[in-house]
């Protein structure tokens, strides 16, 4: 996907450990998905041998960077304003957001699983103008089949 330099692109990772069916997980996430309107969403059961339990969601949310009240502002201040609003909506503490060196992206990790997010949000990655998981703009293509990892 291609994004504008004025887009804030966020990856939101959620984990509902206490739900037992996909229907329960989808009902719990539906208000968030309806409000955020992600451009991409992936939902799956947590692998039985993984670190997490229950169900996982990965949402790719794109929103325009808002102008600050002074009519402009640096990319960093605009980034922080947008991330603050999203973090509060997810039930995370915006003060925990750590920006990168350039001030165009960053990450917010929940301190623990009981951080207060009703949606089980535990990670928020943000980057201005690109997907935080593939900042070069394309999906990674690996020649190896991965059979040795099984």
Protein backbone atom coordinates (compact mmCIF):
# COMPACT_ATOMS: atom_id res chain seq x y z
CA UNK A 1 0.00 0.00 0.00
CA UNK A 2 1.07 3.54 -0.65
CA UNK A 3 0.53 6.26 1.91
CA UNK A 4 0.82 10.03 1.87
CA UNK A 5 3.46 11.78 3.97
CA UNK A 6 0.51 13.33 5.83
CA UNK A 7 -0.91 9.91 6.80
CA UNK A 8 -0.42 8.41 10.21
CA UNK A 9 -0.20 4.66 9.74
CA UNK A 10 -0.71 2.55 12.86
CA UNK A 11 -0.55 -1.15 13.58
CA UNK A 12 -2.67 -2.12 16.56
CA UNK A 13 -2.15 -5.57 18.08
CA UNK A 14 -4.86 -6.94 20.36
CA UNK A 15 -5.22 -10.13 22.37
CA UNK A 16 -8.38 -11.30 24.10
CA UNK A 17 -7.10 -14.12 26.27
CA UNK A 18 -10.34 -14.83 28.15
CA UNK A 19 -12.61 -15.50 25.17
CA UNK A 20 -13.20 -19.06 24.04
CA UNK A 21 -14.76 -18.68 20.61
CA UNK A 22 -14.18 -16.61 17.52
CA UNK A 23 -17.74 -15.25 17.84
CA UNK A 24 -16.99 -13.86 21.31
CA UNK A 25 -13.80 -12.23 20.05
CA UNK A 26 -15.47 -10.66 17.03
CA UNK A 27 -18.34 -9.29 19.14
CA UNK A 28 -15.82 -7.77 21.56
CA UNK A 29 -13.79 -6.14 18.75
CA UNK A 30 -16.72 -5.01 16.57
CA UNK A 31 -17.17 -1.57 18.23
CA UNK A 32 -13.46 -0.81 17.86
CA UNK A 33 -13.28 -1.99 14.25
CA UNK A 34 -16.43 -0.04 13.37
CA UNK A 35 -15.01 3.13 14.86
CA UNK A 36 -11.41 2.89 13.59
CA UNK A 37 -12.31 1.54 10.13
CA UNK A 38 -8.98 -0.18 9.52
CA UNK A 39 -7.78 -0.56 5.92
CA UNK A 40 -6.67 -4.06 6.83
CA UNK A 41 -7.60 -6.42 9.64
CA UNK A 42 -6.49 -9.93 10.50
CA UNK A 43 -8.06 -12.08 13.21
CA UNK A 44 -6.88 -15.49 14.34
CA UNK A 45 -6.86 -17.92 17.22
CA UNK A 46 -3.65 -17.70 19.20
CA UNK A 47 -1.37 -20.66 18.46
CA UNK A 48 -1.62 -23.26 21.25
CA UNK A 49 2.15 -23.30 21.70
CA UNK A 50 2.53 -19.50 21.57
CA UNK A 51 2.95 -16.89 24.26
CA UNK A 52 -0.62 -15.61 24.01
CA UNK A 53 -3.95 -17.33 24.53
CA UNK A 54 -7.43 -16.73 23.14
CA UNK A 55 -7.72 -14.64 19.98
CA UNK A 56 -5.48 -12.10 18.25
CA UNK A 57 -6.24 -9.11 16.06
CA UNK A 58 -3.92 -7.02 13.90
CA UNK A 59 -5.44 -3.78 12.64
CA UNK A 60 -3.86 -1.42 10.11
CA UNK A 61 -5.34 2.01 10.78
CA UNK A 62 -4.63 5.03 8.57
CA UNK A 63 -5.65 8.55 9.49
CA UNK A 64 -4.56 12.00 8.36
CA UNK A 65 -2.18 13.83 10.65
CA UNK A 66 -4.13 16.63 12.26
CA UNK A 67 -2.91 20.20 12.26
CA UNK A 68 -2.27 21.33 15.80
CA UNK A 69 -4.15 24.31 17.28
CA UNK A 70 -1.38 26.73 16.25
CA UNK A 71 -2.02 26.01 12.56
CA UNK A 72 0.86 23.77 11.57
CA UNK A 73 3.30 22.26 14.01
CA UNK A 74 6.09 19.82 13.61
CA UNK A 75 5.54 16.30 12.38
CA UNK A 76 6.48 15.12 15.87
CA UNK A 77 3.82 17.21 17.61
CA UNK A 78 1.19 16.18 15.07
CA UNK A 79 2.21 12.53 15.50
CA UNK A 80 1.94 12.75 19.29
CA UNK A 81 -1.49 14.40 19.12
CA UNK A 82 -2.86 11.67 16.85
CA UNK A 83 -1.27 8.82 18.82
CA UNK A 84 -2.52 10.25 22.11
CA UNK A 85 -6.13 10.15 20.89
CA UNK A 86 -5.79 6.60 19.56
CA UNK A 87 -4.03 5.35 22.70
CA UNK A 88 -6.76 6.76 24.93
CA UNK A 89 -9.40 5.10 22.72
CA UNK A 90 -7.58 1.77 23.06
CA UNK A 91 -7.36 2.12 26.84
CA UNK A 92 -3.58 2.56 26.82
CA UNK A 93 -1.50 5.24 28.51
CA UNK A 94 -0.31 7.73 25.85
CA UNK A 95 2.57 8.77 28.13
CA UNK A 96 4.17 5.39 27.39
CA UNK A 97 4.51 6.16 23.65
CA UNK A 98 8.18 6.28 22.69
CA UNK A 99 9.04 8.17 19.51
CA UNK A 100 11.88 7.25 17.20
CA UNK A 101 14.95 9.46 16.71
CA UNK A 102 13.39 11.33 13.79
CA UNK A 103 10.07 11.99 15.52
CA UNK A 104 8.08 10.45 12.67
CA UNK A 105 7.09 7.19 14.36
CA UNK A 106 7.27 5.16 17.50
CA UNK A 107 5.79 2.44 19.66
CA UNK A 108 3.57 2.07 22.67
CA UNK A 109 3.65 -1.23 24.54
CA UNK A 110 1.23 -2.08 27.32
CA UNK A 111 3.07 -2.52 30.59
CA UNK A 112 1.22 -5.72 31.40
CA UNK A 113 -1.81 -7.68 30.27
CA UNK A 114 -4.02 -5.93 32.80
CA UNK A 115 -3.32 -2.46 31.41
CA UNK A 116 -7.01 -1.59 31.21
CA UNK A 117 -7.67 -2.00 27.49
CA UNK A 118 -11.14 -3.46 26.95
CA UNK A 119 -9.97 -4.67 23.53
CA UNK A 120 -6.81 -6.35 24.77
CA UNK A 121 -4.60 -3.84 22.93
CA UNK A 122 -1.01 -4.51 23.85
CA UNK A 123 1.01 -2.87 21.07
CA UNK A 124 0.62 0.26 18.99
CA UNK A 125 3.18 0.93 16.27
CA UNK A 126 2.96 4.24 14.42
CA UNK A 127 4.82 5.72 11.47
CA UNK A 128 4.19 8.79 9.36
CA UNK A 129 3.67 7.96 5.69
CA UNK A 130 4.44 4.21 5.79
CA UNK A 131 3.42 0.92 7.36
CA UNK A 132 5.47 0.49 10.55
CA UNK A 133 5.97 -3.21 9.73
CA UNK A 134 7.22 -2.55 6.20
CA UNK A 135 8.50 1.03 5.98
CA UNK A 136 10.01 0.38 2.55
CA UNK A 137 6.52 0.04 1.13
CA UNK A 138 6.37 -3.56 -0.02
CA UNK A 139 5.71 -6.94 1.37
CA UNK A 140 8.78 -8.96 2.07
CA UNK A 141 9.33 -11.95 -0.19
CA UNK A 142 11.57 -14.67 1.12
CA UNK A 143 12.92 -17.40 -1.11
CA UNK A 144 13.19 -19.96 1.69
CA UNK A 145 10.09 -22.11 2.26
CA UNK A 146 10.50 -22.08 6.04
CA UNK A 147 10.30 -25.88 6.30
CA UNK A 148 13.26 -25.85 8.66
CA UNK A 149 11.20 -23.82 11.14
CA UNK A 150 8.50 -26.45 11.56
